[in-house]
C-alpha atoms as a PDB file:
ATOM      1  CA  MET A   1    -261.516  55.999 -26.892  1.00  0.00           C
ATOM      2  CA  SER A   2    -261.418  59.915 -26.779  1.00  0.00           C
ATOM      3  CA  THR A   3    -262.269  63.069 -25.328  1.00  0.00           C
ATOM      4  CA  PRO A   4    -261.831  65.905 -22.871  1.00  0.00           C
ATOM      5  CA  THR A   5    -260.500  65.447 -19.282  1.00  0.00           C
ATOM      6  CA  GLU A   6    -263.452  65.874 -18.183  1.00  0.00           C
ATOM      7  CA  SER A   7    -266.978  64.418 -18.823  1.00  0.00           C
ATOM      8  CA  PRO A   8    -269.446  66.814 -21.521  1.00  0.00           C
ATOM      9  CA  ILE A   9    -272.164  65.125 -19.878  1.00  0.00           C
ATOM     10  CA  ASP A  10    -270.983  64.870 -15.772  1.00  0.00           C
ATOM     11  CA  THR A  11    -269.563  68.285 -15.123  1.00  0.00           C
ATOM     12  CA  GLU A  12    -268.154  67.204 -11.645  1.00  0.00           C
ATOM     13  CA  SER A  13    -264.499  67.949 -11.280  1.00  0.00           C
ATOM     14  CA  SER A  14    -262.111  65.971  -9.287  1.00  0.00           C
ATOM     15  CA  PRO A  15    -258.170  65.687  -8.397  1.00  0.00           C
ATOM     16  CA  ALA A  16    -256.596  63.579 -10.638  1.00  0.00           C
ATOM     17  CA  PRO A  17    -254.771  60.868  -9.220  1.00  0.00           C
ATOM     18  CA  VAL A  18    -251.242  59.837  -9.526  1.00  0.00           C
ATOM     19  CA  PHE A  19    -252.000  56.757 -11.651  1.00  0.00           C
ATOM     20  CA  MET A  20    -253.376  59.734 -14.287  1.00  0.00           C
ATOM     21  CA  ARG A  21    -250.543  61.473 -14.834  1.00  0.00           C
ATOM     22  CA  THR A  22    -248.910  58.858 -16.636  1.00  0.00           C
ATOM     23  CA  VAL A  23    -252.093  57.099 -18.212  1.00  0.00           C
ATOM     24  CA  LYS A  24    -255.576  57.773 -18.723  1.00  0.00           C
ATOM     25  CA  SER A  25    -258.124  55.376 -20.175  1.00  0.00           C
ATOM     26  CA  PHE A  26    -258.771  57.911 -23.137  1.00  0.00           C
ATOM     27  CA  VAL A  27    -257.142  60.616 -25.819  1.00  0.00           C
ATOM     28  CA  LYS A  28    -258.877  63.764 -26.930  1.00  0.00           C
ATOM     29  CA  ARG A  29    -260.925  63.214 -30.064  1.00  0.00           C
ATOM     30  CA  ALA A  30    -263.166  65.738 -31.682  1.00  0.00           C
ATOM     31  CA  GLY A  31    -266.508  64.696 -32.600  1.00  0.00           C
ATOM     32  CA  ARG A  32    -270.166  65.700 -33.911  1.00  0.00           C
ATOM     33  CA  VAL A  33    -273.163  65.052 -31.682  1.00  0.00           C
ATOM     34  CA  THR A  34    -276.062  64.372 -33.959  1.00  0.00           C
ATOM     35  CA  ALA A  35    -279.609  65.519 -33.499  1.00  0.00           C
ATOM     36  CA  GLY A  36    -280.536  61.803 -32.905  1.00  0.00           C
ATOM     37  CA  GLN A  37    -277.589  61.504 -30.299  1.00  0.00           C
ATOM     38  CA  ALA A  38    -278.723  64.644 -28.437  1.00  0.00           C
ATOM     39  CA  LYS A  39    -282.455  63.385 -28.060  1.00  0.00           C
ATOM     40  CA  ALA A  40    -281.004  59.864 -26.538  1.00  0.00           C
ATOM     41  CA  VAL A  41    -279.342  61.387 -24.417  1.00  0.00           C
ATOM     42  CA  GLU A  42    -282.127  63.873 -23.325  1.00  0.00           C
ATOM     43  CA  VAL A  43    -284.688  61.308 -22.699  1.00  0.00           C
ATOM     44  CA  LEU A  44    -282.652  58.145 -22.010  1.00  0.00           C
ATOM     45  CA  GLY A  45    -279.884  59.699 -20.049  1.00  0.00           C
ATOM     46  CA  PRO A  46    -281.868  60.054 -16.841  1.00  0.00           C
ATOM     47  CA  GLN A  47    -282.229  56.359 -16.637  1.00  0.00           C
ATOM     48  CA  TYR A  48    -279.026  54.482 -18.009  1.00  0.00           C
ATOM     49  CA  LEU A  49    -276.644  57.286 -17.226  1.00  0.00           C
ATOM     50  CA  LEU A  50    -274.382  56.963 -14.337  1.00  0.00           C
ATOM     51  CA  PRO A  51    -272.945  60.286 -12.730  1.00  0.00           C
ATOM     52  CA  TYR A  52    -269.587  60.129 -11.362  1.00  0.00           C
ATOM     53  CA  ARG A  53    -268.892  60.199  -7.998  1.00  0.00           C
ATOM     54  CA  GLU A  54    -266.298  59.472  -5.126  1.00  0.00           C
ATOM     55  CA  ALA A  55    -268.328  56.796  -3.480  1.00  0.00           C
ATOM     56  CA  LEU A  56    -268.384  52.900  -3.791  1.00  0.00           C
ATOM     57  CA  LEU A  57    -271.058  51.531  -5.986  1.00  0.00           C
ATOM     58  CA  ALA A  58    -273.555  49.216  -5.008  1.00  0.00           C
ATOM     59  CA  TRP A  59    -275.169  46.695  -8.180  1.00  0.00           C
ATOM     60  CA  PRO A  60    -278.559  46.713  -6.770  1.00  0.00           C
ATOM     61  CA  GLU A  61    -278.928  50.556  -6.859  1.00  0.00           C
ATOM     62  CA  VAL A  62    -277.337  50.831 -10.308  1.00  0.00           C
ATOM     63  CA  PHE A  63    -279.182  47.977 -12.273  1.00  0.00           C
ATOM     64  CA  GLY A  64    -282.018  47.752 -10.393  1.00  0.00           C
ATOM     65  CA  GLN A  65    -281.565  44.209  -9.718  1.00  0.00           C
ATOM     66  CA  ASN A  66    -284.008  41.689  -8.162  1.00  0.00           C
ATOM     67  CA  PRO A  67    -282.836  39.802  -5.235  1.00  0.00           C
ATOM     68  CA  GLN A  68    -280.827  37.056  -7.769  1.00  0.00           C
ATOM     69  CA  ILE A  69    -277.541  38.519  -8.344  1.00  0.00           C
ATOM     70  CA  ARG A  70    -276.511  38.840 -11.594  1.00  0.00           C
ATOM     71  CA  PRO A  71    -272.931  39.275 -13.249  1.00  0.00           C
ATOM     72  CA  VAL A  72    -271.758  42.774 -14.132  1.00  0.00           C
ATOM     73  CA  VAL A  73    -269.227  43.268 -16.733  1.00  0.00           C
ATOM     74  CA  LEU A  74    -266.963  46.343 -16.855  1.00  0.00           C
ATOM     75  CA  GLU A  75    -266.252  47.917 -20.700  1.00  0.00           C
ATOM     76  CA  ILE A  76    -263.897  50.251 -21.031  1.00  0.00           C
ATOM     77  CA  GLY A  77    -264.009  52.972 -24.079  1.00  0.00           C
ATOM     78  CA  PHE A  78    -266.805  51.317 -26.218  1.00  0.00           C
ATOM     79  CA  GLY A  79    -266.724  53.479 -28.813  1.00  0.00           C
ATOM     80  CA  MET A  80    -269.606  54.583 -30.898  1.00  0.00           C
ATOM     81  CA  GLY A  81    -271.625  51.686 -28.895  1.00  0.00           C
ATOM     82  CA  GLU A  82    -271.965  49.066 -31.661  1.00  0.00           C
ATOM     83  CA  ALA A  83    -270.218  46.288 -29.974  1.00  0.00           C
ATOM     84  CA  THR A  84    -271.547  47.195 -27.044  1.00  0.00           C
ATOM     85  CA  ALA A  85    -275.096  46.981 -27.699  1.00  0.00           C
ATOM     86  CA  LYS A  86    -274.732  43.313 -29.917  1.00  0.00           C
ATOM     87  CA  ILE A  87    -273.041  41.976 -26.331  1.00  0.00           C
ATOM     88  CA  ALA A  88    -275.473  43.294 -24.125  1.00  0.00           C
ATOM     89  CA  ALA A  89    -278.329  41.619 -26.373  1.00  0.00           C
ATOM     90  CA  THR A  90    -276.412  38.408 -26.703  1.00  0.00           C
ATOM     91  CA  LEU A  91    -275.800  38.193 -23.065  1.00  0.00           C
ATOM     92  CA  PRO A  92    -279.272  39.752 -21.297  1.00  0.00           C
ATOM     93  CA  GLU A  93    -278.732  37.853 -18.003  1.00  0.00           C
ATOM     94  CA  THR A  94    -275.313  40.269 -17.907  1.00  0.00           C
ATOM     95  CA  ASP A  95    -275.449  43.720 -16.480  1.00  0.00           C
ATOM     96  CA  PHE A  96    -273.061  46.140 -17.949  1.00  0.00           C
ATOM     97  CA  LEU A  97    -271.160  49.011 -17.063  1.00  0.00           C
ATOM     98  CA  CYS A  98    -269.518  50.697 -19.718  1.00  0.00           C
ATOM     99  CA  CYS A  99    -266.977  53.672 -19.544  1.00  0.00           C
ATOM    100  CA  GLU A 100    -266.606  56.292 -22.540  1.00  0.00           C
ATOM    101  CA  VAL A 101    -265.983  60.045 -22.219  1.00  0.00           C
ATOM    102  CA  HIS A 102    -266.741  60.726 -25.828  1.00  0.00           C
ATOM    103  CA  GLU A 103    -269.938  62.512 -25.732  1.00  0.00           C
ATOM    104  CA  ALA A 104    -271.142  61.057 -29.674  1.00  0.00           C
ATOM    105  CA  GLY A 105    -269.945  57.802 -28.328  1.00  0.00           C
ATOM    106  CA  VAL A 106    -272.391  58.153 -25.089  1.00  0.00           C
ATOM    107  CA  GLY A 107    -275.367  59.304 -27.135  1.00  0.00           C
ATOM    108  CA  ALA A 108    -274.965  56.853 -30.016  1.00  0.00           C
ATOM    109  CA  LEU A 109    -274.979  54.183 -27.195  1.00  0.00           C
ATOM    110  CA  LEU A 110    -277.889  55.697 -25.808  1.00  0.00           C
ATOM    111  CA  LYS A 111    -279.524  55.343 -29.017  1.00  0.00           C
ATOM    112  CA  ARG A 112    -279.091  52.029 -29.403  1.00  0.00           C
ATOM    113  CA  ILE A 113    -280.043  51.103 -26.000  1.00  0.00           C
ATOM    114  CA  GLY A 114    -283.428  52.582 -26.794  1.00  0.00           C
ATOM    115  CA  GLU A 115    -283.822  51.048 -30.180  1.00  0.00           C
ATOM    116  CA  ASN A 116    -282.772  47.584 -29.318  1.00  0.00           C
ATOM    117  CA  GLY A 117    -285.204  47.896 -25.999  1.00  0.00           C
ATOM    118  CA  LEU A 118    -281.888  47.045 -24.264  1.00  0.00           C
ATOM    119  CA  THR A 119    -282.136  47.168 -20.002  1.00  0.00           C
ATOM    120  CA  ASN A 120    -278.452  45.928 -19.105  1.00  0.00           C
ATOM    121  CA  ILE A 121    -276.744  48.719 -19.529  1.00  0.00           C
ATOM    122  CA  ARG A 122    -275.311  51.632 -17.585  1.00  0.00           C
ATOM    123  CA  ILE A 123    -273.064  54.170 -18.823  1.00  0.00           C
ATOM    124  CA  CYS A 124    -270.747  56.771 -16.519  1.00  0.00           C
ATOM    125  CA  PRO A 125    -269.441  59.062 -19.276  1.00  0.00           C
ATOM    126  CA  HIS A 126    -266.096  59.312 -16.933  1.00  0.00           C
ATOM    127  CA  ASP A 127    -262.305  58.685 -17.311  1.00  0.00           C
ATOM    128  CA  ALA A 128    -262.243  54.548 -16.426  1.00  0.00           C
ATOM    129  CA  VAL A 129    -259.122  55.188 -14.080  1.00  0.00           C
ATOM    130  CA  GLU A 130    -260.920  57.388 -11.520  1.00  0.00           C
ATOM    131  CA  VAL A 131    -264.330  54.960 -12.173  1.00  0.00           C
ATOM    132  CA  ILE A 132    -261.894  51.881 -10.976  1.00  0.00           C
ATOM    133  CA  ASP A 133    -260.185  54.262  -8.259  1.00  0.00           C
ATOM    134  CA  HIS A 134    -263.034  55.446  -6.942  1.00  0.00           C
ATOM    135  CA  MET A 135    -266.450  53.665  -7.597  1.00  0.00           C
ATOM    136  CA  LEU A 136    -265.712  49.948  -7.721  1.00  0.00           C
ATOM    137  CA  ALA A 137    -264.933  47.945  -5.064  1.00  0.00           C
ATOM    138  CA  PRO A 138    -262.007  44.945  -4.676  1.00  0.00           C
ATOM    139  CA  ALA A 139    -263.607  41.623  -6.315  1.00  0.00           C
ATOM    140  CA  CYS A 140    -267.255  43.333  -7.416  1.00  0.00           C
ATOM    141  CA  LEU A 141    -266.859  42.245 -11.055  1.00  0.00           C
ATOM    142  CA  ASP A 142    -267.387  38.847 -13.228  1.00  0.00           C
ATOM    143  CA  GLY A 143    -265.591  40.632 -16.297  1.00  0.00           C
ATOM    144  CA  ILE A 144    -263.556  43.310 -17.689  1.00  0.00           C
ATOM    145  CA  HIS A 145    -263.940  44.324 -21.710  1.00  0.00           C
ATOM    146  CA  ILE A 146    -261.407  46.379 -23.229  1.00  0.00           C
ATOM    147  CA  PHE A 147    -261.484  45.712 -27.083  1.00  0.00           C
ATOM    148  CA  PHE A 148    -259.416  47.921 -29.311  1.00  0.00           C
ATOM    149  CA  PRO A 149    -257.728  50.834 -27.003  1.00  0.00           C
ATOM    150  CA  ASP A 150    -255.588  53.180 -28.638  1.00  0.00           C
ATOM    151  CA  PRO A 151    -252.227  50.883 -29.951  1.00  0.00           C
ATOM    152  CA  TRP A 152    -250.069  54.600 -30.209  1.00  0.00           C
ATOM    153  CA  HIS A 153    -248.349  52.794 -32.757  1.00  0.00           C
ATOM    154  CA  LYS A 154    -244.970  55.313 -32.537  1.00  0.00           C
ATOM    155  CA  THR A 155    -242.349  53.686 -30.179  1.00  0.00           C
ATOM    156  CA  LYS A 156    -242.184  56.781 -28.301  1.00  0.00           C
ATOM    157  CA  HIS A 157    -245.861  56.895 -27.635  1.00  0.00           C
ATOM    158  CA  ASN A 158    -245.907  53.552 -26.465  1.00  0.00           C
ATOM    159  CA  LYS A 159    -245.946  54.816 -22.526  1.00  0.00           C
ATOM    160  CA  ARG A 160    -249.490  56.322 -23.124  1.00  0.00           C
ATOM    161  CA  ARG A 161    -251.069  52.651 -24.215  1.00  0.00           C
ATOM    162  CA  LEU A 162    -253.714  51.805 -21.602  1.00  0.00           C
ATOM    163  CA  ILE A 163    -252.667  48.222 -20.997  1.00  0.00           C
ATOM    164  CA  GLN A 164    -249.782  48.494 -18.429  1.00  0.00           C
ATOM    165  CA  ALA A 165    -248.788  46.799 -15.369  1.00  0.00           C
ATOM    166  CA  PRO A 166    -250.085  49.387 -13.088  1.00  0.00           C
ATOM    167  CA  PHE A 167    -253.437  49.293 -14.910  1.00  0.00           C
ATOM    168  CA  VAL A 168    -253.589  45.851 -14.798  1.00  0.00           C
ATOM    169  CA  ALA A 169    -253.152  45.054 -11.211  1.00  0.00           C
ATOM    170  CA  LYS A 170    -256.206  47.699 -10.562  1.00  0.00           C
ATOM    171  CA  LEU A 171    -258.430  45.999 -12.990  1.00  0.00           C
ATOM    172  CA  ALA A 172    -257.337  42.203 -11.427  1.00  0.00           C
ATOM    173  CA  GLN A 173    -258.158  43.801  -8.075  1.00  0.00           C
ATOM    174  CA  ARG A 174    -261.520  44.397  -8.820  1.00  0.00           C
ATOM    175  CA  LEU A 175    -262.359  40.936 -10.493  1.00  0.00           C
ATOM    176  CA  LYS A 176    -263.962  38.109  -8.365  1.00  0.00           C
ATOM    177  CA  PRO A 177    -261.897  34.633  -8.296  1.00  0.00           C
ATOM    178  CA  GLY A 178    -262.333  33.367 -11.725  1.00  0.00           C
ATOM    179  CA  GLY A 179    -263.623  36.255 -13.318  1.00  0.00           C
ATOM    180  CA  TYR A 180    -261.929  37.403 -16.622  1.00  0.00           C
ATOM    181  CA  LEU A 181    -260.424  40.214 -18.341  1.00  0.00           C
ATOM    182  CA  HIS A 182    -260.679  40.050 -22.018  1.00  0.00           C
ATOM    183  CA  CYS A 183    -258.446  42.463 -24.425  1.00  0.00           C
ATOM    184  CA  ALA A 184    -258.576  42.737 -28.144  1.00  0.00           C
ATOM    185  CA  THR A 185    -256.588  44.514 -30.559  1.00  0.00           C
ATOM    186  CA  ASP A 186    -255.826  44.350 -34.419  1.00  0.00           C
ATOM    187  CA  TRP A 187    -251.908  45.629 -34.029  1.00  0.00           C
ATOM    188  CA  GLN A 188    -249.991  42.624 -33.259  1.00  0.00           C
ATOM    189  CA  PRO A 189    -247.027  44.664 -31.167  1.00  0.00           C
ATOM    190  CA  TYR A 190    -249.612  45.766 -28.971  1.00  0.00           C
ATOM    191  CA  ALA A 191    -251.406  42.557 -28.951  1.00  0.00           C
ATOM    192  CA  GLU A 192    -247.816  41.011 -27.689  1.00  0.00           C
ATOM    193  CA  GLN A 193    -247.651  43.729 -24.928  1.00  0.00           C
ATOM    194  CA  ILE A 194    -250.960  43.121 -23.700  1.00  0.00           C
ATOM    195  CA  LEU A 195    -250.348  39.155 -23.383  1.00  0.00           C
ATOM    196  CA  GLN A 196    -247.034  39.578 -21.532  1.00  0.00           C
ATOM    197  CA  VAL A 197    -248.366  42.396 -18.900  1.00  0.00           C
ATOM    198  CA  LEU A 198    -251.457  40.021 -18.292  1.00  0.00           C
ATOM    199  CA  GLU A 199    -249.564  36.975 -17.596  1.00  0.00           C
ATOM    200  CA  ASP A 200    -247.064  38.840 -15.835  1.00  0.00           C
ATOM    201  CA  GLU A 201    -249.549  39.661 -13.435  1.00  0.00           C
ATOM    202  CA  PRO A 202    -249.754  37.534  -9.900  1.00  0.00           C
ATOM    203  CA  LEU A 203    -253.254  37.576  -9.767  1.00  0.00           C
ATOM    204  CA  LEU A 204    -254.306  36.440 -13.212  1.00  0.00           C
ATOM    205  CA  HIS A 205    -253.316  33.165 -15.277  1.00  0.00           C
ATOM    206  CA  ASN A 206    -253.992  32.185 -19.221  1.00  0.00           C
ATOM    207  CA  PRO A 207    -256.303  29.396 -19.280  1.00  0.00           C
ATOM    208  CA  ALA A 208    -255.628  29.471 -23.148  1.00  0.00           C
ATOM    209  CA  ARG A 209    -251.829  28.275 -22.663  1.00  0.00           C
ATOM    210  CA  GLN A 210    -253.065  25.128 -22.044  1.00  0.00           C
ATOM    211  CA  ALA A 211    -256.534  25.027 -23.557  1.00  0.00           C
ATOM    212  CA  TYR A 212    -255.198  26.193 -26.554  1.00  0.00           C
ATOM    213  CA  PRO A 213    -251.309  25.511 -26.898  1.00  0.00           C
ATOM    214  CA  GLN A 214    -250.960  26.225 -30.874  1.00  0.00           C
ATOM    215  CA  LEU A 215    -252.727  30.174 -30.625  1.00  0.00           C
ATOM    216  CA  VAL A 216    -249.445  30.643 -28.363  1.00  0.00           C
ATOM    217  CA  GLY A 217    -251.473  32.356 -25.215  1.00  0.00           C
ATOM    218  CA  TYR A 218    -254.246  34.333 -27.484  1.00  0.00           C
ATOM    219  CA  ALA A 219    -257.822  32.816 -27.237  1.00  0.00           C
ATOM    220  CA  PRO A 220    -260.374  32.146 -30.043  1.00  0.00           C
ATOM    221  CA  LYS A 221    -262.634  34.773 -30.489  1.00  0.00           C
ATOM    222  CA  PRO A 222    -265.410  34.445 -27.705  1.00  0.00           C
ATOM    223  CA  MET A 223    -268.772  34.097 -29.011  1.00  0.00           C
ATOM    224  CA  TYR A 224    -269.879  37.439 -26.952  1.00  0.00           C
ATOM    225  CA  ARG A 225    -267.618  39.318 -29.058  1.00  0.00           C
ATOM    226  CA  PRO A 226    -268.880  40.534 -32.374  1.00  0.00           C
ATOM    227  CA  LEU A 227    -267.298  41.252 -35.299  1.00  0.00           C
ATOM    228  CA  THR A 228    -267.535  45.030 -35.824  1.00  0.00           C
ATOM    229  CA  LYS A 229    -267.925  46.924 -39.454  1.00  0.00           C
ATOM    230  CA  PHE A 230    -264.278  48.241 -38.433  1.00  0.00           C
ATOM    231  CA  GLU A 231    -262.932  44.660 -37.973  1.00  0.00           C
ATOM    232  CA  ASN A 232    -264.898  43.080 -40.684  1.00  0.00           C
ATOM    233  CA  ARG A 233    -263.152  45.803 -43.081  1.00  0.00           C
ATOM    234  CA  GLY A 234    -259.759  44.952 -41.568  1.00  0.00           C
ATOM    235  CA  ILE A 235    -259.967  41.154 -42.010  1.00  0.00           C
ATOM    236  CA  ARG A 236    -261.189  41.508 -45.776  1.00  0.00           C
ATOM    237  CA  LEU A 237    -257.719  43.647 -45.910  1.00  0.00           C
ATOM    238  CA  GLY A 238    -255.598  40.938 -44.272  1.00  0.00           C
ATOM    239  CA  HIS A 239    -255.394  42.608 -40.849  1.00  0.00           C
ATOM    240  CA  GLY A 240    -255.004  40.059 -37.825  1.00  0.00           C
ATOM    241  CA  VAL A 241    -256.891  40.673 -34.728  1.00  0.00           C
ATOM    242  CA  TRP A 242    -255.987  39.449 -31.510  1.00  0.00           C
ATOM    243  CA  ASP A 243    -257.929  38.379 -27.985  1.00  0.00           C
ATOM    244  CA  VAL A 244    -256.329  37.836 -24.809  1.00  0.00           C
ATOM    245  CA  VAL A 245    -258.310  36.635 -22.075  1.00  0.00           C
ATOM    246  CA  CYS A 246    -256.927  35.811 -18.482  1.00  0.00           C
ATOM    247  CA  GLN A 247    -258.809  34.727 -15.182  1.00  0.00           C
ATOM    248  CA  ARG A 248    -258.516  36.006 -12.142  1.00  0.00           C
ATOM    249  CA  ARG A 249    -256.772  33.272  -9.351  1.00  0.00           C
END
């Protein structure tokens, strides 16, 4: 997760909510936009980019759905979009609203959308905290994905981690009953914090505790989450990966 406070694509400005004074869904990161990514933004942006606005979203307007309602999953911080594109291809009957403010990442995912003919992704190039606060109604989501958020390794920086109780409460409120929140990390101390924070949220419960007692609260990697090049490299080096999947009560 990355980038400037305002989206490099959506130039609208808005006052930062109080929550953002302590936690943001991104950090600043520089990155060069390739010619292919810029072309993807130019050609596919009008169809697949969703501008930030302080108004609640209606899914039929966002995804052009037919009368049959499809599941909607929010993905926060998709990086360069490799996993996102694979998940969208694996779950073609599910729609994905994806938040990322890193311009190169937005262009990269748009490029993957074009190359793979994906139609079930929309990208909001804006901070996810503001999107959640102003664009998502309570109980509107079937799932939320947060894969490999910045772990902020140093203890003095732990307070900057995204997965903290106030943010998780916001997420839980946007889930439908039975909807899920799936976090994954390759940093064990962060995995332990994520597990505790999600299990402490009153609106969530952790089915893995009963279904997989040997995993002490963690879940097996769900079939829809692919192994990325980064993750495969970590596995070769002996690094672990922890998935936490909780459901809305």
